[in-house]
C-alpha cells in the first residue's frame, strides 16, 4: 500500500514535467470557432442536395440529404430541424398559393 501512495505523486510529477513538451507537440492552442459545424443527426453520409427556397419567404429553405433526412430552416439557416421522409428526396416544391404547404417527392411518397 505504501508503494502505491508514493507512486501516484511521482507519476503526477512526471506528467506535469512533461506537459510543456506535450503541448508543444500538439501545436499552438486554437481559438474556439463560433461558426463551426455540429452534428444534428445520425452519421454515415451527408451529401446535401436539392435545396429549395420558399417564394413566399426566403428564410424558409428545405434541403435533402442522401441518407433520407430532410432539413428545414425557417430563420434563414440560423437553426435547422431534421425529419425523415422514408427515402432520399428527389425534389421539393412550394405551393404557389399556400405558404404552409411544401411538396416532396421520394420513392416512399
N, C-alpha and C. Protein backbone atom coordinates (compact mmCIF):
# COMPACT_ATOMS: atom_id res chain seq x y z
N UNK A 1 0.82 -1.19 0.00
CA UNK A 1 0.00 0.00 0.00
C UNK A 1 0.86 1.25 0.00
N UNK A 2 1.95 1.28 0.77
CA UNK A 2 2.84 2.44 0.82
C UNK A 2 3.46 2.69 -0.55
N UNK A 3 3.71 1.63 -1.27
CA UNK A 3 4.32 1.74 -2.59
C UNK A 3 3.38 2.50 -3.54
N UNK A 4 2.09 2.23 -3.46
CA UNK A 4 1.11 2.90 -4.30
C UNK A 4 1.02 4.38 -3.97
N UNK A 5 1.05 4.71 -2.69
CA UNK A 5 0.94 6.11 -2.30
C UNK A 5 2.12 6.93 -2.81
N UNK A 6 3.29 6.39 -2.83
CA UNK A 6 4.45 7.15 -3.32
C UNK A 6 4.51 7.13 -4.83
N UNK A 7 3.94 6.11 -5.48
CA UNK A 7 3.97 6.04 -6.94
C UNK A 7 3.05 7.07 -7.57
N UNK A 8 1.91 7.35 -6.95
CA UNK A 8 0.95 8.30 -7.52
C UNK A 8 1.54 9.70 -7.60
N UNK A 9 2.13 10.25 -6.50
CA UNK A 9 2.72 11.57 -6.63
C UNK A 9 3.89 11.61 -7.62
N UNK A 10 4.66 10.55 -7.69
CA UNK A 10 5.78 10.51 -8.63
C UNK A 10 5.27 10.52 -10.06
N UNK A 11 4.20 9.77 -10.33
CA UNK A 11 3.61 9.74 -11.66
C UNK A 11 3.03 11.11 -12.01
N UNK A 12 2.34 11.72 -11.06
CA UNK A 12 1.76 13.04 -11.29
C UNK A 12 2.86 14.06 -11.59
N UNK A 13 3.96 14.00 -10.85
CA UNK A 13 5.08 14.93 -11.08
C UNK A 13 5.68 14.71 -12.46
N UNK A 14 5.81 13.46 -12.88
CA UNK A 14 6.36 13.17 -14.21
C UNK A 14 5.45 13.70 -15.30
N UNK A 15 4.15 13.54 -15.14
CA UNK A 15 3.20 14.05 -16.14
C UNK A 15 3.24 15.58 -16.21
N UNK A 16 3.28 16.22 -15.05
CA UNK A 16 3.36 17.69 -15.04
C UNK A 16 4.65 18.19 -15.68
N UNK A 17 5.74 17.49 -15.44
CA UNK A 17 7.02 17.89 -16.01
C UNK A 17 7.02 17.75 -17.53
N UNK A 18 6.29 16.77 -18.04
CA UNK A 18 6.29 16.56 -19.49
C UNK A 18 5.19 17.35 -20.20
N UNK A 19 4.32 18.03 -19.47
CA UNK A 19 3.20 18.77 -20.07
C UNK A 19 3.64 19.81 -21.09
N UNK A 20 4.68 20.65 -20.81
CA UNK A 20 5.09 21.63 -21.83
C UNK A 20 5.54 20.97 -23.13
N UNK A 21 6.24 19.86 -23.04
CA UNK A 21 6.68 19.17 -24.26
C UNK A 21 5.50 18.60 -25.02
N UNK A 22 4.54 18.05 -24.29
CA UNK A 22 3.35 17.51 -24.96
C UNK A 22 2.54 18.62 -25.60
N UNK A 23 2.40 19.74 -24.95
CA UNK A 23 1.65 20.86 -25.51
C UNK A 23 2.31 21.37 -26.79
N UNK A 24 3.63 21.43 -26.78
CA UNK A 24 4.34 21.86 -27.99
C UNK A 24 4.16 20.89 -29.14
N UNK A 25 4.08 19.60 -28.83
CA UNK A 25 3.89 18.60 -29.88
C UNK A 25 2.50 18.68 -30.49
N UNK A 26 1.53 19.16 -29.74
CA UNK A 26 0.17 19.28 -30.25
C UNK A 26 -0.03 20.55 -31.06
N UNK A 27 0.91 21.46 -31.01
CA UNK A 27 0.79 22.70 -31.76
C UNK A 27 0.21 23.81 -30.90
N UNK A 28 0.11 25.00 -31.48
CA UNK A 28 -0.41 26.12 -30.70
C UNK A 28 -1.88 25.93 -30.39
N UNK A 29 -2.35 26.52 -29.29
CA UNK A 29 -3.77 26.39 -28.96
C UNK A 29 -4.63 27.05 -30.02
N UNK A 30 -5.79 26.49 -30.27
CA UNK A 30 -6.70 27.02 -31.27
C UNK A 30 -7.84 27.77 -30.59
N UNK A 31 -8.31 28.81 -31.26
CA UNK A 31 -9.46 29.54 -30.75
C UNK A 31 -10.73 28.73 -31.04
N UNK A 32 -11.72 28.89 -30.21
CA UNK A 32 -13.00 28.22 -30.41
C UNK A 32 -13.74 28.93 -31.53
N UNK A 33 -14.21 28.16 -32.52
CA UNK A 33 -14.95 28.75 -33.64
C UNK A 33 -16.43 28.79 -33.30
N UNK A 34 -17.03 29.95 -33.47
CA UNK A 34 -18.45 30.07 -33.21
C UNK A 34 -19.29 29.69 -34.42
N UNK A 35 -18.64 29.53 -35.59
CA UNK A 35 -19.36 29.15 -36.80
C UNK A 35 -19.10 27.70 -37.18
N UNK A 36 -18.60 26.91 -36.26
CA UNK A 36 -18.24 25.53 -36.55
C UNK A 36 -19.49 24.68 -36.78
N UNK A 37 -19.35 23.64 -37.60
CA UNK A 37 -20.43 22.70 -37.87
C UNK A 37 -20.62 21.82 -36.66
N UNK A 38 -21.84 21.35 -36.45
CA UNK A 38 -22.09 20.37 -35.40
C UNK A 38 -23.06 19.33 -35.94
N UNK A 39 -22.94 18.12 -35.43
CA UNK A 39 -23.79 17.03 -35.87
C UNK A 39 -25.19 17.21 -35.29
N UNK A 40 -26.21 17.11 -36.14
CA UNK A 40 -27.59 17.22 -35.67
C UNK A 40 -28.40 15.96 -35.96
N UNK A 41 -27.77 14.97 -36.52
CA UNK A 41 -28.48 13.74 -36.83
C UNK A 41 -27.52 12.58 -36.94
N UNK A 42 -27.99 11.44 -37.37
CA UNK A 42 -27.11 10.28 -37.49
C UNK A 42 -26.07 10.49 -38.57
N UNK A 43 -24.92 9.87 -38.41
CA UNK A 43 -23.85 10.00 -39.38
C UNK A 43 -23.94 8.95 -40.47
N UNK A 44 -22.92 8.89 -41.32
CA UNK A 44 -22.86 7.86 -42.34
C UNK A 44 -23.07 8.38 -43.73
N UNK A 45 -23.25 9.61 -43.91
CA UNK A 45 -23.48 10.19 -45.23
C UNK A 45 -23.37 11.68 -45.12
N UNK A 46 -24.23 12.34 -45.77
CA UNK A 46 -24.23 13.77 -45.57
C UNK A 46 -24.25 14.61 -46.83
N UNK A 47 -24.36 13.99 -48.00
CA UNK A 47 -24.45 14.79 -49.20
C UNK A 47 -25.75 15.56 -49.17
N UNK A 48 -25.65 16.86 -49.21
CA UNK A 48 -26.84 17.70 -49.20
C UNK A 48 -27.17 18.06 -50.65
N UNK A 49 -28.45 17.95 -51.01
CA UNK A 49 -28.83 18.21 -52.39
C UNK A 49 -30.27 18.68 -52.49
N UNK A 50 -30.58 19.25 -53.61
CA UNK A 50 -31.91 19.73 -53.95
C UNK A 50 -32.46 20.77 -52.97
N UNK A 51 -31.69 21.83 -52.73
CA UNK A 51 -32.24 22.88 -51.87
C UNK A 51 -33.39 23.59 -52.57
N UNK A 52 -34.35 24.01 -51.79
CA UNK A 52 -35.48 24.76 -52.34
C UNK A 52 -35.78 25.92 -51.37
N UNK A 53 -35.89 27.10 -51.94
CA UNK A 53 -36.16 28.31 -51.16
C UNK A 53 -37.59 28.73 -51.41
N UNK A 54 -38.29 29.04 -50.35
CA UNK A 54 -39.69 29.41 -50.46
C UNK A 54 -39.84 30.72 -51.24
N UNK A 55 -40.74 30.76 -52.21
CA UNK A 55 -41.00 32.02 -52.91
C UNK A 55 -41.80 32.99 -52.03
N UNK A 56 -42.38 32.47 -50.96
CA UNK A 56 -43.16 33.29 -50.05
C UNK A 56 -42.29 33.97 -48.99
N UNK A 57 -41.23 33.29 -48.57
CA UNK A 57 -40.34 33.78 -47.52
C UNK A 57 -38.95 33.19 -47.74
N UNK A 58 -37.98 34.00 -48.15
CA UNK A 58 -36.64 33.46 -48.45
C UNK A 58 -35.91 32.89 -47.23
N UNK A 59 -36.44 33.08 -46.04
CA UNK A 59 -35.83 32.49 -44.84
C UNK A 59 -36.21 31.02 -44.68
N UNK A 60 -37.22 30.57 -45.43
CA UNK A 60 -37.67 29.18 -45.36
C UNK A 60 -36.98 28.39 -46.47
N UNK A 61 -36.17 27.41 -46.07
CA UNK A 61 -35.40 26.61 -47.02
C UNK A 61 -35.51 25.15 -46.60
N UNK A 62 -35.69 24.26 -47.58
CA UNK A 62 -35.62 22.82 -47.34
C UNK A 62 -34.45 22.27 -48.13
N UNK A 63 -33.82 21.24 -47.57
CA UNK A 63 -32.62 20.66 -48.18
C UNK A 63 -32.68 19.16 -47.95
N UNK A 64 -32.48 18.39 -49.01
CA UNK A 64 -32.49 16.94 -48.89
C UNK A 64 -31.10 16.40 -48.62
N UNK A 65 -31.06 15.23 -48.00
CA UNK A 65 -29.81 14.55 -47.70
C UNK A 65 -29.85 13.16 -48.31
N UNK A 66 -28.71 12.62 -48.66
CA UNK A 66 -28.66 11.30 -49.29
C UNK A 66 -28.98 10.17 -48.31
N UNK A 67 -29.15 10.47 -47.04
CA UNK A 67 -29.43 9.45 -46.04
C UNK A 67 -30.89 9.52 -45.57
N UNK A 68 -31.79 9.92 -46.41
CA UNK A 68 -33.24 10.02 -46.21
C UNK A 68 -33.67 11.20 -45.36
N UNK A 69 -32.75 11.89 -44.75
CA UNK A 69 -33.12 13.03 -43.93
C UNK A 69 -33.42 14.25 -44.78
N UNK A 70 -34.29 15.09 -44.26
CA UNK A 70 -34.60 16.38 -44.87
C UNK A 70 -34.41 17.41 -43.77
N UNK A 71 -33.83 18.53 -44.13
CA UNK A 71 -33.61 19.61 -43.18
C UNK A 71 -34.43 20.81 -43.61
N UNK A 72 -34.98 21.51 -42.63
CA UNK A 72 -35.74 22.71 -42.91
C UNK A 72 -35.31 23.80 -41.95
N UNK A 73 -35.21 25.00 -42.47
CA UNK A 73 -34.96 26.18 -41.64
C UNK A 73 -36.06 27.18 -41.92
N UNK A 74 -36.47 27.86 -40.89
CA UNK A 74 -37.47 28.91 -41.05
C UNK A 74 -36.90 30.27 -40.67
N UNK A 75 -35.60 30.27 -40.33
CA UNK A 75 -34.96 31.51 -39.91
C UNK A 75 -33.69 31.81 -40.72
N UNK A 76 -33.69 31.40 -41.97
CA UNK A 76 -32.56 31.70 -42.85
C UNK A 76 -31.29 30.95 -42.53
N UNK A 77 -31.39 29.80 -41.90
CA UNK A 77 -30.22 28.97 -41.63
C UNK A 77 -29.64 29.12 -40.24
N UNK A 78 -30.22 29.94 -39.39
CA UNK A 78 -29.73 30.07 -38.02
C UNK A 78 -29.94 28.74 -37.27
N UNK A 79 -31.08 28.12 -37.49
CA UNK A 79 -31.34 26.81 -36.89
C UNK A 79 -32.00 25.92 -37.93
N UNK A 80 -31.80 24.63 -37.78
CA UNK A 80 -32.34 23.64 -38.73
C UNK A 80 -33.03 22.54 -37.94
N UNK A 81 -34.06 21.96 -38.53
CA UNK A 81 -34.75 20.80 -37.96
C UNK A 81 -34.68 19.68 -38.99
N UNK A 82 -34.39 18.47 -38.53
CA UNK A 82 -34.31 17.33 -39.44
C UNK A 82 -35.55 16.47 -39.28
N UNK A 83 -36.05 15.95 -40.40
CA UNK A 83 -37.12 14.96 -40.37
C UNK A 83 -36.86 13.96 -41.47
N UNK A 84 -37.55 12.83 -41.42
CA UNK A 84 -37.28 11.72 -42.33
C UNK A 84 -38.50 11.46 -43.19
N UNK A 85 -38.29 11.33 -44.50
CA UNK A 85 -39.38 11.03 -45.43
C UNK A 85 -39.40 9.56 -45.85
N UNK A 86 -38.52 8.74 -45.31
CA UNK A 86 -38.50 7.32 -45.62
C UNK A 86 -37.61 6.94 -46.78
N UNK A 87 -37.19 7.90 -47.55
CA UNK A 87 -36.29 7.68 -48.69
C UNK A 87 -35.69 9.03 -49.06
N UNK A 88 -34.53 9.04 -49.71
CA UNK A 88 -33.94 10.32 -50.11
C UNK A 88 -34.90 11.10 -51.03
N UNK A 89 -35.07 12.38 -50.80
CA UNK A 89 -35.98 13.16 -51.64
C UNK A 89 -35.39 13.40 -53.03
N UNK A 90 -36.26 13.41 -54.03
CA UNK A 90 -35.78 13.71 -55.38
C UNK A 90 -36.15 15.12 -55.81
N UNK A 91 -37.11 15.73 -55.13
CA UNK A 91 -37.43 17.14 -55.43
C UNK A 91 -38.33 17.72 -54.36
N UNK A 92 -38.36 19.05 -54.32
CA UNK A 92 -39.25 19.80 -53.43
C UNK A 92 -39.93 20.87 -54.25
N UNK A 93 -41.12 21.26 -53.83
CA UNK A 93 -41.83 22.38 -54.46
C UNK A 93 -42.70 23.04 -53.40
N UNK A 94 -42.76 24.35 -53.49
CA UNK A 94 -43.63 25.11 -52.58
C UNK A 94 -44.93 25.39 -53.29
N UNK A 95 -46.03 25.22 -52.57
CA UNK A 95 -47.33 25.52 -53.14
C UNK A 95 -47.36 27.01 -53.50
N UNK A 96 -47.79 27.34 -54.71
CA UNK A 96 -47.76 28.75 -55.12
C UNK A 96 -48.76 29.63 -54.38
N UNK A 97 -49.80 29.03 -53.81
CA UNK A 97 -50.83 29.82 -53.13
C UNK A 97 -50.77 29.73 -51.61
N UNK A 98 -50.37 28.57 -51.08
CA UNK A 98 -50.37 28.36 -49.64
C UNK A 98 -48.93 28.21 -49.13
N UNK A 99 -48.44 29.20 -48.44
CA UNK A 99 -47.05 29.21 -47.96
C UNK A 99 -46.78 28.10 -46.95
N UNK A 100 -47.82 27.52 -46.37
CA UNK A 100 -47.64 26.46 -45.37
C UNK A 100 -47.45 25.08 -45.98
N UNK A 101 -47.59 24.96 -47.30
CA UNK A 101 -47.53 23.64 -47.96
C UNK A 101 -46.25 23.51 -48.76
N UNK A 102 -45.51 22.43 -48.47
CA UNK A 102 -44.30 22.08 -49.23
C UNK A 102 -44.49 20.66 -49.76
N UNK A 103 -44.28 20.48 -51.03
CA UNK A 103 -44.39 19.15 -51.64
C UNK A 103 -43.00 18.53 -51.73
N UNK A 104 -42.94 17.22 -51.57
CA UNK A 104 -41.68 16.48 -51.70
C UNK A 104 -41.97 15.19 -52.46
N UNK A 105 -41.03 14.80 -53.29
CA UNK A 105 -41.15 13.50 -53.97
C UNK A 105 -40.00 12.60 -53.53
N UNK A 106 -40.36 11.37 -53.20
CA UNK A 106 -39.39 10.33 -52.87
C UNK A 106 -39.98 9.01 -53.39
N UNK A 107 -39.18 7.98 -53.36
CA UNK A 107 -39.69 6.67 -53.75
C UNK A 107 -40.70 6.14 -52.72
N UNK A 108 -40.71 6.71 -51.52
CA UNK A 108 -41.62 6.26 -50.47
C UNK A 108 -42.93 7.05 -50.46
N UNK A 109 -42.97 8.20 -51.12
CA UNK A 109 -44.19 9.01 -51.13
C UNK A 109 -44.88 8.94 -52.48
